[in-house]
């Protein structure tokens, strides 16, 4: 059976019953049909935190896939299977990857969050609300100029971009306002994908509806003719934007196939934005269970670093342990094996690829000072010689390593992994924050700290444009902000072809943007862009609906 067939065959629990099982009040729910509900976090403002927080991250991604979301769901279901009170706090899928290269993002096999078609498509409309709020601000900036420009905005220095929740390379760079004076002022413009937009990042970093409105107000949209920043608050759009986002700001409650509760909320990309679900959802989950599993996008050098250095720094959160996901197939790819040959035994390539795992483990333990468990997503092609090689390497590193068969067996297949994690948490001391860099470093120094301590670069080169922007941002008072480095997910470096564990290379920062609403500065490394394009064979070609309305092809 395919993933979607397994999901559609599952028997879901009515959402009111699921909510009752974790102590949620009926008055706090806004149901979306029988199996989805929004939860108003205001009802639980005074409820204390009770959960241990587990951050799931991964080795450097490969085309073979590592199954990080699958392991996150497996772990939660495994804890549930072992009789523990557990729940998930995950991101919402973006339609860009769903219809692009990746396909669906709700797990796989017998460890999925449901209803998977709804979650992967429109869900509760959160991403559409974020898109609309973003584009309302963009239209109000242009309208302000059209209606007299009392703020003296320089149309050549508008920095706020429009967005949409699809991959569309044609919209990366455009000219807008054509057709005469009645249609606005012609200028260079462009779109980012919604998951990479500043409004998405702001939405996910906000700690309440009030905080969201304050953050939206401080978004810098342009500069005036004197070079001074112009904000959303000066345009006056923050109230209407918050109204559009009011319902979206409530986390979405769903369930796994085995009825483990899950809050899915927010969806920033980790190779461009900070790659974590909302602070609101994470905080709410921590009040409702004994163990909360959350996920940070792509490899630990991206999602985990940003979760810790950005999300945790601003929210006061800090995980109790990290689960690092790997597969033997992916490790062989890092050892030089082509995707078509990953099903064949190759111990020498595996041993070489294990350097990538070692480098991530080293970062987690030595930089962030966190306990780590290696979770191996089990494939039928794994041979005993390869399994022994990985287990031996983990033993040499002194880290626990467990296989998960959740994809094939559900929570039962992850019970051993779950027991290992709960034993570590129950017997361990409280972890304290250990960031990659301090607040007092300059922006360039923070970028260099991440590049050298986490990516293991030898040096960092800044373009003239990026240096000038950094200087301007520091003069504007943003020098203490954390940094969010946007780079390829396929390598520690900014070159996707440098696999394994490269060291001593040069990282190039070509551009820098302020994400003032989210409270961080984004540095673009290498060729990374904020609007992906569709591949030659987009996943959208496989998606269809049969005559009875059943959706097919989301995987």
Protein backbone atom coordinates (compact mmCIF):
# COMPACT_ATOMS: atom_id res chain seq x y z
CA UNK A 1 0.00 0.00 0.00
CA UNK A 2 1.11 3.57 -0.68
CA UNK A 3 1.33 6.16 2.07
CA UNK A 4 -1.93 7.78 1.05
CA UNK A 5 -3.71 4.42 0.89
CA UNK A 6 -2.52 3.56 4.41
CA UNK A 7 -3.65 6.98 5.63
CA UNK A 8 -7.06 6.72 4.01
CA UNK A 9 -7.62 3.24 5.49
CA UNK A 10 -6.86 4.40 9.04
CA UNK A 11 -9.63 4.84 11.61
CA UNK A 12 -9.40 8.29 13.13
CA UNK A 13 -10.64 9.35 16.53
CA UNK A 14 -13.22 12.19 16.55
CA UNK A 15 -11.33 15.39 17.31
CA UNK A 16 -13.41 16.15 20.44
CA UNK A 17 -12.40 12.77 21.91
CA UNK A 18 -8.74 13.35 21.06
CA UNK A 19 -8.86 16.78 22.68
CA UNK A 20 -10.51 15.38 25.80
CA UNK A 21 -7.74 12.75 26.11
CA UNK A 22 -5.17 15.50 26.68
CA UNK A 23 -7.34 17.74 28.83
CA UNK A 24 -8.41 20.32 26.26
CA UNK A 25 -11.67 22.12 26.97
CA UNK A 26 -14.44 21.98 24.38
CA UNK A 27 -14.81 25.77 24.54
CA UNK A 28 -11.21 26.20 23.36
CA UNK A 29 -11.74 24.19 20.16
CA UNK A 30 -12.82 25.40 16.72
CA UNK A 31 -13.41 22.17 14.76
CA UNK A 32 -12.64 21.96 11.05
CA UNK A 33 -14.75 18.94 10.23
CA UNK A 34 -14.57 15.77 12.33
CA UNK A 35 -10.80 15.28 12.64
CA UNK A 36 -9.14 18.72 12.76
CA UNK A 37 -9.56 21.55 15.25
CA UNK A 38 -7.92 24.81 16.10
CA UNK A 39 -7.03 25.30 19.75
CA UNK A 40 -7.18 28.73 21.37
CA UNK A 41 -3.98 28.95 23.47
CA UNK A 42 -5.43 31.78 25.57
CA UNK A 43 -7.43 29.18 27.52
CA UNK A 44 -4.19 27.60 28.74
CA UNK A 45 -2.10 30.70 29.40
CA UNK A 46 -1.70 29.94 33.11
CA UNK A 47 -1.14 26.20 32.75
CA UNK A 48 2.45 25.27 33.78
CA UNK A 49 4.91 23.44 31.57
CA UNK A 50 5.16 19.74 32.35
CA UNK A 51 6.93 18.11 29.38
CA UNK A 52 10.44 17.18 28.44
CA UNK A 53 11.28 18.62 25.00
CA UNK A 54 12.94 16.43 22.36
CA UNK A 55 14.38 18.09 19.25
CA UNK A 56 14.51 15.82 16.19
CA UNK A 57 17.05 16.80 13.56
CA UNK A 58 19.16 14.92 11.01
CA UNK A 59 22.42 14.42 9.20
CA UNK A 60 22.94 16.46 6.03
CA UNK A 61 20.02 15.63 3.68
CA UNK A 62 20.48 13.60 0.52
CA UNK A 63 18.26 12.78 -2.48
CA UNK A 64 17.70 9.38 -0.84
CA UNK A 65 15.80 11.01 2.04
CA UNK A 66 16.33 10.50 5.76
CA UNK A 67 12.73 10.39 7.01
CA UNK A 68 13.07 12.98 9.76
CA UNK A 69 9.31 13.57 10.04
CA UNK A 70 8.74 9.81 9.90
CA UNK A 71 11.14 9.34 12.83
CA UNK A 72 9.52 12.21 14.76
CA UNK A 73 6.12 10.57 14.44
CA UNK A 74 7.63 7.11 15.11
CA UNK A 75 9.20 8.37 18.32
CA UNK A 76 5.97 9.94 19.57
CA UNK A 77 4.00 6.81 18.67
CA UNK A 78 6.70 4.68 20.27
CA UNK A 79 6.43 6.64 23.53
CA UNK A 80 2.65 6.29 23.31
CA UNK A 81 3.04 2.53 22.69
CA UNK A 82 5.26 2.32 25.79
CA UNK A 83 2.50 3.90 27.90
CA UNK A 84 3.96 7.40 28.02
CA UNK A 85 2.08 10.69 27.63
CA UNK A 86 3.52 12.14 24.43
CA UNK A 87 2.58 14.53 21.67
CA UNK A 88 4.06 16.15 18.59
CA UNK A 89 4.66 19.79 17.64
CA UNK A 90 5.38 19.95 13.90
CA UNK A 91 5.40 22.39 10.98
CA UNK A 92 2.71 22.64 8.32
CA UNK A 93 3.70 21.45 4.83
CA UNK A 94 4.12 24.06 2.10
CA UNK A 95 2.41 23.51 -1.25
CA UNK A 96 5.74 24.29 -2.94
CA UNK A 97 7.41 20.99 -1.97
CA UNK A 98 4.09 19.10 -2.07
CA UNK A 99 3.73 19.89 -5.78
CA UNK A 100 7.47 20.19 -6.44
CA UNK A 101 10.24 17.69 -5.71
CA UNK A 102 9.56 16.41 -2.21
CA UNK A 103 5.87 15.54 -2.26
CA UNK A 104 3.87 15.31 0.98
CA UNK A 105 5.33 15.98 4.42
CA UNK A 106 3.20 14.13 6.97
CA UNK A 107 5.37 11.08 7.58
CA UNK A 108 5.08 7.74 5.80
CA UNK A 109 3.95 4.15 6.06
CA UNK A 110 2.27 3.44 9.41
CA UNK A 111 3.61 6.58 11.08
CA UNK A 112 1.65 9.48 9.62
CA UNK A 113 -0.33 12.45 10.87
CA UNK A 114 -3.90 12.50 9.64
CA UNK A 115 -5.85 13.44 7.64
CA UNK A 116 -2.76 13.58 5.43
CA UNK A 117 -4.45 14.94 2.28
CA UNK A 118 -5.96 17.89 4.17
CA UNK A 119 -2.74 18.66 6.02
CA UNK A 120 -0.67 18.56 2.82
CA UNK A 121 -3.12 20.72 0.86
CA UNK A 122 -5.17 23.62 2.24
CA UNK A 123 -5.45 22.30 5.84
CA UNK A 124 -7.05 25.11 7.88
CA UNK A 125 -5.90 27.87 5.57
CA UNK A 126 -3.03 29.14 7.74
CA UNK A 127 -0.55 29.48 4.88
CA UNK A 128 -3.16 31.24 2.75
CA UNK A 129 -3.80 33.69 5.61
CA UNK A 130 -0.07 34.36 5.91
CA UNK A 131 0.19 34.85 2.15
CA UNK A 132 -2.74 37.29 2.16
CA UNK A 133 -1.42 39.27 5.15
CA UNK A 134 1.97 39.54 3.47
CA UNK A 135 0.49 40.74 0.19
CA UNK A 136 -1.86 43.18 1.93
CA UNK A 137 1.19 44.92 3.36
CA UNK A 138 2.91 44.92 -0.04
CA UNK A 139 -0.15 46.46 -1.70
CA UNK A 140 -0.50 49.08 1.03
CA UNK A 141 3.13 50.14 0.55
CA UNK A 142 2.57 50.69 -3.17
CA UNK A 143 -0.77 52.38 -2.51
CA UNK A 144 0.90 54.76 -0.06
CA UNK A 145 3.27 55.86 -2.80
CA UNK A 146 0.41 56.18 -5.29
CA UNK A 147 -1.67 58.30 -2.91
CA UNK A 148 0.90 61.02 -2.31
CA UNK A 149 3.79 59.27 -0.50
CA UNK A 150 3.70 61.29 2.71
CA UNK A 151 6.39 59.02 4.18
CA UNK A 152 8.73 59.95 1.33
CA UNK A 153 9.37 56.28 0.40
CA UNK A 154 12.03 55.76 -2.23
CA UNK A 155 10.47 53.26 -4.70
CA UNK A 156 13.96 52.05 -5.58
CA UNK A 157 14.51 50.98 -1.97
CA UNK A 158 11.39 48.96 -1.22
CA UNK A 159 12.66 45.77 0.43
CA UNK A 160 9.39 43.99 1.25
CA UNK A 161 8.47 41.35 -1.34
CA UNK A 162 5.22 39.67 -2.28
CA UNK A 163 4.81 35.93 -1.73
CA UNK A 164 2.82 32.85 -2.75
CA UNK A 165 2.77 29.28 -1.47
CA UNK A 166 3.99 27.62 -4.67
CA UNK A 167 7.28 27.14 -6.49
CA UNK A 168 7.33 29.64 -9.37
CA UNK A 169 10.73 30.73 -10.69
CA UNK A 170 9.04 33.08 -13.17
CA UNK A 171 8.09 35.39 -10.30
CA UNK A 172 11.50 35.65 -8.62
CA UNK A 173 12.28 38.96 -10.30
CA UNK A 174 9.58 41.01 -12.03
CA UNK A 175 8.68 44.58 -12.92
CA UNK A 176 5.38 45.71 -11.39
CA UNK A 177 3.25 48.82 -11.83
CA UNK A 178 3.24 48.85 -15.63
CA UNK A 179 0.39 50.32 -17.67
CA UNK A 180 0.43 54.02 -16.87
CA UNK A 181 0.12 56.24 -13.80
CA UNK A 182 -3.26 54.80 -12.78
CA UNK A 183 -1.61 51.41 -12.23
CA UNK A 184 1.09 52.56 -9.84
CA UNK A 185 4.78 53.33 -10.05
CA UNK A 186 6.83 50.97 -12.23
CA UNK A 187 9.59 49.30 -10.20
CA UNK A 188 11.56 46.12 -9.81
CA UNK A 189 9.71 43.65 -7.63
CA UNK A 190 9.58 39.93 -6.88
CA UNK A 191 7.99 37.05 -4.99
CA UNK A 192 9.30 34.72 -2.29
CA UNK A 193 7.62 31.45 -1.43
CA UNK A 194 5.35 31.94 1.60
CA UNK A 195 7.43 29.58 3.76
CA UNK A 196 10.45 31.87 3.24
CA UNK A 197 8.56 35.13 3.81
CA UNK A 198 9.18 37.49 6.68
CA UNK A 199 5.52 37.30 7.73
CA UNK A 200 5.84 33.50 8.09
CA UNK A 201 8.96 33.89 10.23
CA UNK A 202 7.28 36.61 12.29
CA UNK A 203 4.17 34.46 12.75
CA UNK A 204 6.24 31.53 14.02
CA UNK A 205 8.34 33.61 16.43
CA UNK A 206 5.38 35.42 18.00
CA UNK A 207 4.42 34.33 21.52
CA UNK A 208 0.85 35.67 21.50
CA UNK A 209 -1.59 37.55 19.29
CA UNK A 210 -0.51 40.81 20.94
CA UNK A 211 3.14 40.02 20.34
CA UNK A 212 2.34 39.14 16.72
CA UNK A 213 0.82 42.57 16.10
CA UNK A 214 3.80 44.32 17.68
CA UNK A 215 6.21 42.27 15.57
CA UNK A 216 4.27 42.95 12.37
CA UNK A 217 4.36 46.68 13.10
CA UNK A 218 8.16 46.72 13.18
CA UNK A 219 8.67 45.01 9.81
CA UNK A 220 10.87 47.30 7.72
CA UNK A 221 9.32 47.62 4.27
CA UNK A 222 11.48 50.27 2.61
CA UNK A 223 13.75 53.25 3.09
CA UNK A 224 12.88 56.87 2.44
CA UNK A 225 14.87 59.29 0.29
CA UNK A 226 17.02 60.15 3.32
CA UNK A 227 17.87 56.48 3.88
CA UNK A 228 15.76 56.06 7.01
CA UNK A 229 13.78 52.81 7.48
CA UNK A 230 10.02 52.83 6.91
CA UNK A 231 8.01 50.26 8.87
CA UNK A 232 4.70 48.43 8.57
CA UNK A 233 3.57 50.42 11.63
CA UNK A 234 4.11 53.68 9.76
CA UNK A 235 2.11 52.31 6.84
CA UNK A 236 -0.59 51.31 9.35
CA UNK A 237 -1.14 47.75 8.11
CA UNK A 238 -0.44 45.79 11.30
CA UNK A 239 -4.02 45.83 12.59
CA UNK A 240 -5.55 44.47 9.39
CA UNK A 241 -2.75 41.92 9.04
CA UNK A 242 -3.35 40.67 12.58
CA UNK A 243 -7.07 40.41 11.85
CA UNK A 244 -6.25 38.20 8.86
CA UNK A 245 -3.96 36.09 11.06
CA UNK A 246 -6.20 35.90 14.15
CA UNK A 247 -7.57 32.41 13.50
CA UNK A 248 -4.34 31.24 11.88
CA UNK A 249 -2.49 32.07 15.13
CA UNK A 250 -4.32 29.21 16.87
CA UNK A 251 -2.45 25.86 16.59
CA UNK A 252 -4.04 22.99 14.68
CA UNK A 253 -4.80 19.76 16.53
CA UNK A 254 -4.62 16.48 14.58
CA UNK A 255 -3.56 12.89 15.32
CA UNK A 256 -1.28 10.13 14.15
CA UNK A 257 -2.56 6.79 12.85
CA UNK A 258 -2.17 5.51 16.43
CA UNK A 259 -4.03 8.52 17.89
CA UNK A 260 -1.01 10.31 19.34
CA UNK A 261 -2.03 14.00 19.48
CA UNK A 262 -0.14 16.47 17.31
CA UNK A 263 -0.11 20.26 17.05
CA UNK A 264 0.83 21.35 13.52
CA UNK A 265 1.44 25.08 13.14
CA UNK A 266 3.58 27.34 10.98
CA UNK A 267 5.91 26.23 8.22
CA UNK A 268 9.15 28.16 7.61
CA UNK A 269 11.86 26.55 5.47
CA UNK A 270 15.10 25.77 7.32
CA UNK A 271 17.41 26.38 4.36
CA UNK A 272 16.09 29.95 3.99
CA UNK A 273 14.18 30.83 7.17
CA UNK A 274 14.48 29.36 10.69
CA UNK A 275 12.73 26.05 9.97
CA UNK A 276 10.73 25.43 13.17
CA UNK A 277 7.07 25.27 14.08
CA UNK A 278 5.51 28.17 15.99
CA UNK A 279 6.56 29.16 19.49
CA UNK A 280 2.85 29.27 20.39
CA UNK A 281 2.31 25.62 19.43
CA UNK A 282 5.50 24.39 21.09
CA UNK A 283 4.64 26.15 24.35
CA UNK A 284 1.07 24.80 24.31
CA UNK A 285 2.24 21.22 23.66
CA UNK A 286 4.66 21.43 26.60
CA UNK A 287 1.66 22.00 28.89
CA UNK A 288 -0.35 19.02 27.66
CA UNK A 289 2.00 15.99 27.80
CA UNK A 290 5.04 14.56 29.55
CA UNK A 291 7.14 14.32 26.37
CA UNK A 292 6.94 16.66 23.37
CA UNK A 293 8.63 15.79 20.09
CA UNK A 294 9.41 18.71 17.80
CA UNK A 295 11.32 18.83 14.55
CA UNK A 296 13.70 21.32 12.95
CA UNK A 297 14.07 21.26 9.18
CA UNK A 298 16.86 19.72 7.09
CA UNK A 299 20.19 18.88 8.76
CA UNK A 300 21.33 19.87 12.24
CA UNK A 301 23.58 22.56 10.74
CA UNK A 302 20.43 24.35 9.52
CA UNK A 303 17.25 23.54 11.45
CA UNK A 304 18.78 22.59 14.79
CA UNK A 305 21.20 25.53 14.80
CA UNK A 306 18.36 27.96 14.08
CA UNK A 307 16.03 26.28 16.58
CA UNK A 308 18.65 26.71 19.28
CA UNK A 309 20.28 30.04 18.35
CA UNK A 310 17.11 31.84 17.20
CA UNK A 311 13.90 30.22 18.47
CA UNK A 312 15.25 29.18 21.87
CA UNK A 313 17.15 32.43 22.38
CA UNK A 314 13.98 34.49 21.87
CA UNK A 315 11.45 32.19 23.56
CA UNK A 316 13.38 30.90 26.57
CA UNK A 317 12.92 27.30 25.43
CA UNK A 318 15.72 24.73 25.39
CA UNK A 319 15.47 21.04 24.49
CA UNK A 320 16.27 18.28 26.95
CA UNK A 321 17.87 16.09 24.29
CA UNK A 322 18.39 15.78 20.55
CA UNK A 323 17.52 12.84 18.31
CA UNK A 324 19.74 12.80 15.22
CA UNK A 325 18.17 10.94 12.30
CA UNK A 326 20.26 9.04 9.75
CA UNK A 327 19.91 6.19 7.29
CA UNK A 328 22.52 3.79 6.04
CA UNK A 329 21.48 4.75 2.51
CA UNK A 330 22.12 8.45 3.15
CA UNK A 331 25.46 7.77 4.82
CA UNK A 332 26.56 5.76 1.78
CA UNK A 333 25.56 8.69 -0.42
CA UNK A 334 27.84 10.93 1.67
CA UNK A 335 30.51 8.33 1.04
CA UNK A 336 30.19 8.83 -2.71
CA UNK A 337 27.58 6.25 -3.78
CA UNK A 338 25.14 7.30 -6.51
CA UNK A 339 21.42 7.25 -5.66
CA UNK A 340 20.76 4.33 -8.05
CA UNK A 341 23.31 2.14 -6.22
CA UNK A 342 22.31 2.86 -2.61
CA UNK A 343 20.50 -0.46 -2.29
CA UNK A 344 23.78 -2.37 -2.75
CA UNK A 345 26.04 -3.18 0.17
CA UNK A 346 29.06 -0.85 0.32
CA UNK A 347 30.80 -0.83 3.70
CA UNK A 348 33.83 1.29 2.60
CA UNK A 349 31.52 4.06 1.33
CA UNK A 350 29.46 3.82 4.52
CA UNK A 351 32.59 4.20 6.67
CA UNK A 352 33.53 7.30 4.69
CA UNK A 353 30.01 8.75 4.93
CA UNK A 354 29.95 8.27 8.68
CA UNK A 355 32.13 11.37 8.93
CA UNK A 356 29.00 13.42 8.27
CA UNK A 357 27.26 11.79 11.22
CA UNK A 358 30.31 12.31 13.43
CA UNK A 359 30.46 16.02 12.57
CA UNK A 360 26.82 16.57 13.50
CA UNK A 361 27.23 14.63 16.75
CA UNK A 362 30.29 16.71 17.58
CA UNK A 363 28.38 19.96 17.03
CA UNK A 364 25.45 18.85 19.19
CA UNK A 365 27.63 17.68 22.07
CA UNK A 366 30.49 20.17 22.02
CA UNK A 367 28.85 23.41 20.86
CA UNK A 368 25.30 23.09 22.19
CA UNK A 369 26.20 20.75 25.08
CA UNK A 370 23.17 18.54 24.54
CA UNK A 371 22.75 14.76 24.97
CA UNK A 372 22.07 13.03 21.65
CA UNK A 373 20.56 9.75 20.48
CA UNK A 374 21.17 8.55 16.93
CA UNK A 375 17.99 7.20 15.31
CA UNK A 376 18.48 5.04 12.24
CA UNK A 377 15.51 4.84 9.93
CA UNK A 378 15.55 1.18 8.95
CA UNK A 379 15.40 0.09 5.28
CA UNK A 380 15.09 -3.46 3.96
CA UNK A 381 18.29 -2.96 1.93
CA UNK A 382 20.40 -2.48 5.09
CA UNK A 383 22.78 -5.43 5.42
CA UNK A 384 24.10 -6.87 8.67
CA UNK A 385 27.65 -5.77 7.81
CA UNK A 386 26.43 -2.21 7.30
CA UNK A 387 24.35 -2.26 10.49
CA UNK A 388 27.35 -3.51 12.47
CA UNK A 389 29.51 -0.74 10.97
CA UNK A 390 27.11 1.99 12.11
CA UNK A 391 26.62 0.51 15.57
CA UNK A 392 30.38 0.23 16.02
CA UNK A 393 30.87 3.86 14.98
CA UNK A 394 28.18 5.01 17.45
CA UNK A 395 29.80 3.01 20.24
CA UNK A 396 33.16 4.64 19.45
CA UNK A 397 31.49 8.07 19.67
CA UNK A 398 29.85 7.11 22.95
CA UNK A 399 26.31 7.87 21.79
CA UNK A 400 23.25 5.61 21.99
CA UNK A 401 22.06 4.38 18.61
CA UNK A 402 18.72 2.68 17.91
CA UNK A 403 16.95 1.53 14.75
CA UNK A 404 13.35 2.44 14.03
CA UNK A 405 10.92 0.31 12.03
CA UNK A 406 8.08 2.73 12.55
CA UNK A 407 7.39 3.05 8.83
CA UNK A 408 6.50 -0.65 8.66
CA UNK A 409 5.27 -1.34 12.22
CA UNK A 410 4.07 1.95 13.67
CA UNK A 411 4.79 2.73 17.33
CA UNK A 412 5.74 -0.87 18.08
CA UNK A 413 8.60 -0.58 15.58
CA UNK A 414 9.95 2.47 17.43
CA UNK A 415 9.41 1.22 20.97
CA UNK A 416 13.11 0.53 21.56
CA UNK A 417 14.11 3.98 20.30
CA UNK A 418 11.40 5.56 22.44
CA UNK A 419 12.56 3.66 25.53
CA UNK A 420 16.15 4.78 24.94
CA UNK A 421 15.05 8.43 24.70
CA UNK A 422 12.76 8.31 27.75
CA UNK A 423 15.46 6.57 29.83
CA UNK A 424 17.92 9.31 28.84
CA UNK A 425 15.46 12.06 29.72
CA UNK A 426 14.25 10.56 32.97
CA UNK A 427 17.76 9.94 34.25
CA UNK A 428 19.45 13.08 32.94
CA UNK A 429 20.11 16.48 34.48
CA UNK A 430 18.40 19.63 33.27
CA UNK A 431 20.16 21.06 30.23
CA UNK A 432 21.14 24.71 30.09
CA UNK A 433 21.38 26.92 26.97
CA UNK A 434 24.73 26.89 25.16
CA UNK A 435 24.49 29.04 22.05
CA UNK A 436 26.85 29.10 19.07
CA UNK A 437 27.59 32.80 19.64
CA UNK A 438 26.89 35.57 22.12
CA UNK A 439 24.50 38.47 21.64
CA UNK A 440 27.25 41.06 21.85
CA UNK A 441 29.15 39.92 18.75
CA UNK A 442 28.66 41.96 15.58
CA UNK A 443 26.54 40.51 12.77
CA UNK A 444 29.56 39.53 10.66
CA UNK A 445 31.19 37.88 13.68
CA UNK A 446 28.01 35.90 14.39
CA UNK A 447 27.90 34.69 10.80
CA UNK A 448 31.55 33.68 11.06
CA UNK A 449 30.89 31.85 14.34
CA UNK A 450 28.17 29.70 12.74
CA UNK A 451 30.28 29.13 9.62
CA UNK A 452 33.37 28.06 11.52
CA UNK A 453 31.92 26.32 14.60
CA UNK A 454 28.94 24.56 12.94
CA UNK A 455 29.74 24.39 9.21
CA UNK A 456 33.52 23.96 9.83
CA UNK A 457 34.42 26.52 7.18
CA UNK A 458 37.93 27.91 7.12
CA UNK A 459 36.92 31.46 6.24
CA UNK A 460 33.94 33.63 5.29
CA UNK A 461 33.91 36.10 2.41
CA UNK A 462 31.35 38.91 2.31
CA UNK A 463 30.29 40.65 -0.89
CA UNK A 464 30.52 44.44 -0.90
CA UNK A 465 26.71 44.60 -0.91
CA UNK A 466 26.38 42.33 2.14
CA UNK A 467 29.05 44.28 4.08
CA UNK A 468 27.28 47.56 3.36
CA UNK A 469 23.96 46.10 4.47
CA UNK A 470 25.47 44.76 7.69
CA UNK A 471 26.95 48.18 8.43
CA UNK A 472 23.58 49.84 7.83
CA UNK A 473 21.70 47.32 10.00
CA UNK A 474 24.12 47.76 12.88
CA UNK A 475 23.73 51.54 12.61
CA UNK A 476 19.95 51.02 12.74
CA UNK A 477 20.29 49.11 16.02
CA UNK A 478 20.08 45.50 14.81
CA UNK A 479 23.62 44.51 15.78
CA UNK A 480 22.49 42.32 18.69
CA UNK A 481 20.04 40.30 16.58
CA UNK A 482 20.70 36.60 15.93
CA UNK A 483 21.61 35.54 12.40
CA UNK A 484 19.80 33.10 10.13
CA UNK A 485 22.10 31.77 7.40
CA UNK A 486 20.30 30.72 4.22
CA UNK A 487 22.29 28.08 2.36
CA UNK A 488 21.98 24.78 0.55
CA UNK A 489 20.68 21.93 2.67
CA UNK A 490 22.76 19.33 0.83
CA UNK A 491 26.14 20.20 2.34
CA UNK A 492 27.73 21.71 5.42
CA UNK A 493 29.17 24.21 2.92
CA UNK A 494 27.46 26.56 0.45
CA UNK A 495 28.31 24.13 -2.37
CA UNK A 496 25.74 21.28 -2.66
CA UNK A 497 28.35 19.04 -4.30
CA UNK A 498 30.64 19.04 -1.23
CA UNK A 499 29.29 15.95 0.54
CA UNK A 500 30.44 14.23 3.70
CA UNK A 501 32.19 16.46 6.23
CA UNK A 502 34.10 19.19 4.36
CA UNK A 503 36.37 21.46 6.37
CA UNK A 504 38.50 24.53 5.74
CA UNK A 505 36.58 25.79 2.70
CA UNK A 506 35.47 29.38 2.05
CA UNK A 507 31.83 30.32 2.68
CA UNK A 508 30.54 33.23 0.61
CA UNK A 509 27.84 35.61 1.87
CA UNK A 510 26.38 37.39 -1.14
CA UNK A 511 23.41 39.22 0.40
CA UNK A 512 21.86 40.13 3.75
CA UNK A 513 18.22 40.91 4.61
CA UNK A 514 16.60 42.12 7.80
CA UNK A 515 13.64 40.12 9.15
CA UNK A 516 12.73 42.69 11.77
CA UNK A 517 9.35 41.20 12.65
CA UNK A 518 10.94 37.83 13.40
CA UNK A 519 13.83 39.56 15.14
CA UNK A 520 16.76 38.17 13.13
CA UNK A 521 19.00 38.96 10.18
CA UNK A 522 19.12 36.60 7.17
CA UNK A 523 22.46 36.06 5.39
CA UNK A 524 22.32 34.40 1.97
CA UNK A 525 25.25 32.07 1.30
CA UNK A 526 26.20 30.78 -2.14
CA UNK A 527 23.39 30.52 -4.69
CA UNK A 528 20.44 29.97 -2.32
CA UNK A 529 17.22 31.73 -3.31
CA UNK A 530 13.90 32.42 -1.57
CA UNK A 531 11.62 31.28 -4.42
CA UNK A 532 12.25 27.69 -5.57
CA UNK A 533 11.38 26.46 -9.05
CA UNK A 534 9.63 23.27 -10.08
CA UNK A 535 11.76 20.26 -11.14
CA UNK A 536 11.55 18.67 -14.59
CA UNK A 537 9.02 16.12 -13.28
CA UNK A 538 7.09 17.96 -10.53
CA UNK A 539 5.18 15.90 -7.98
CA UNK A 540 2.04 17.74 -9.12
CA UNK A 541 1.97 15.45 -12.17
CA UNK A 542 1.10 12.53 -9.87
CA UNK A 543 -1.69 14.25 -7.93
CA UNK A 544 -5.25 13.54 -9.02
CA UNK A 545 -8.82 13.09 -7.78
CA UNK A 546 -10.98 10.10 -8.72
CA UNK A 547 -14.67 10.27 -9.62
CA UNK A 548 -15.63 9.79 -5.97
CA UNK A 549 -13.51 12.72 -4.80
CA UNK A 550 -10.68 10.67 -3.31
CA UNK A 551 -7.29 12.37 -3.70
CA UNK A 552 -4.40 10.32 -5.07
CA UNK A 553 -0.68 10.80 -5.61
CA UNK A 554 0.38 12.70 -2.48
CA UNK A 555 3.23 10.67 -1.03
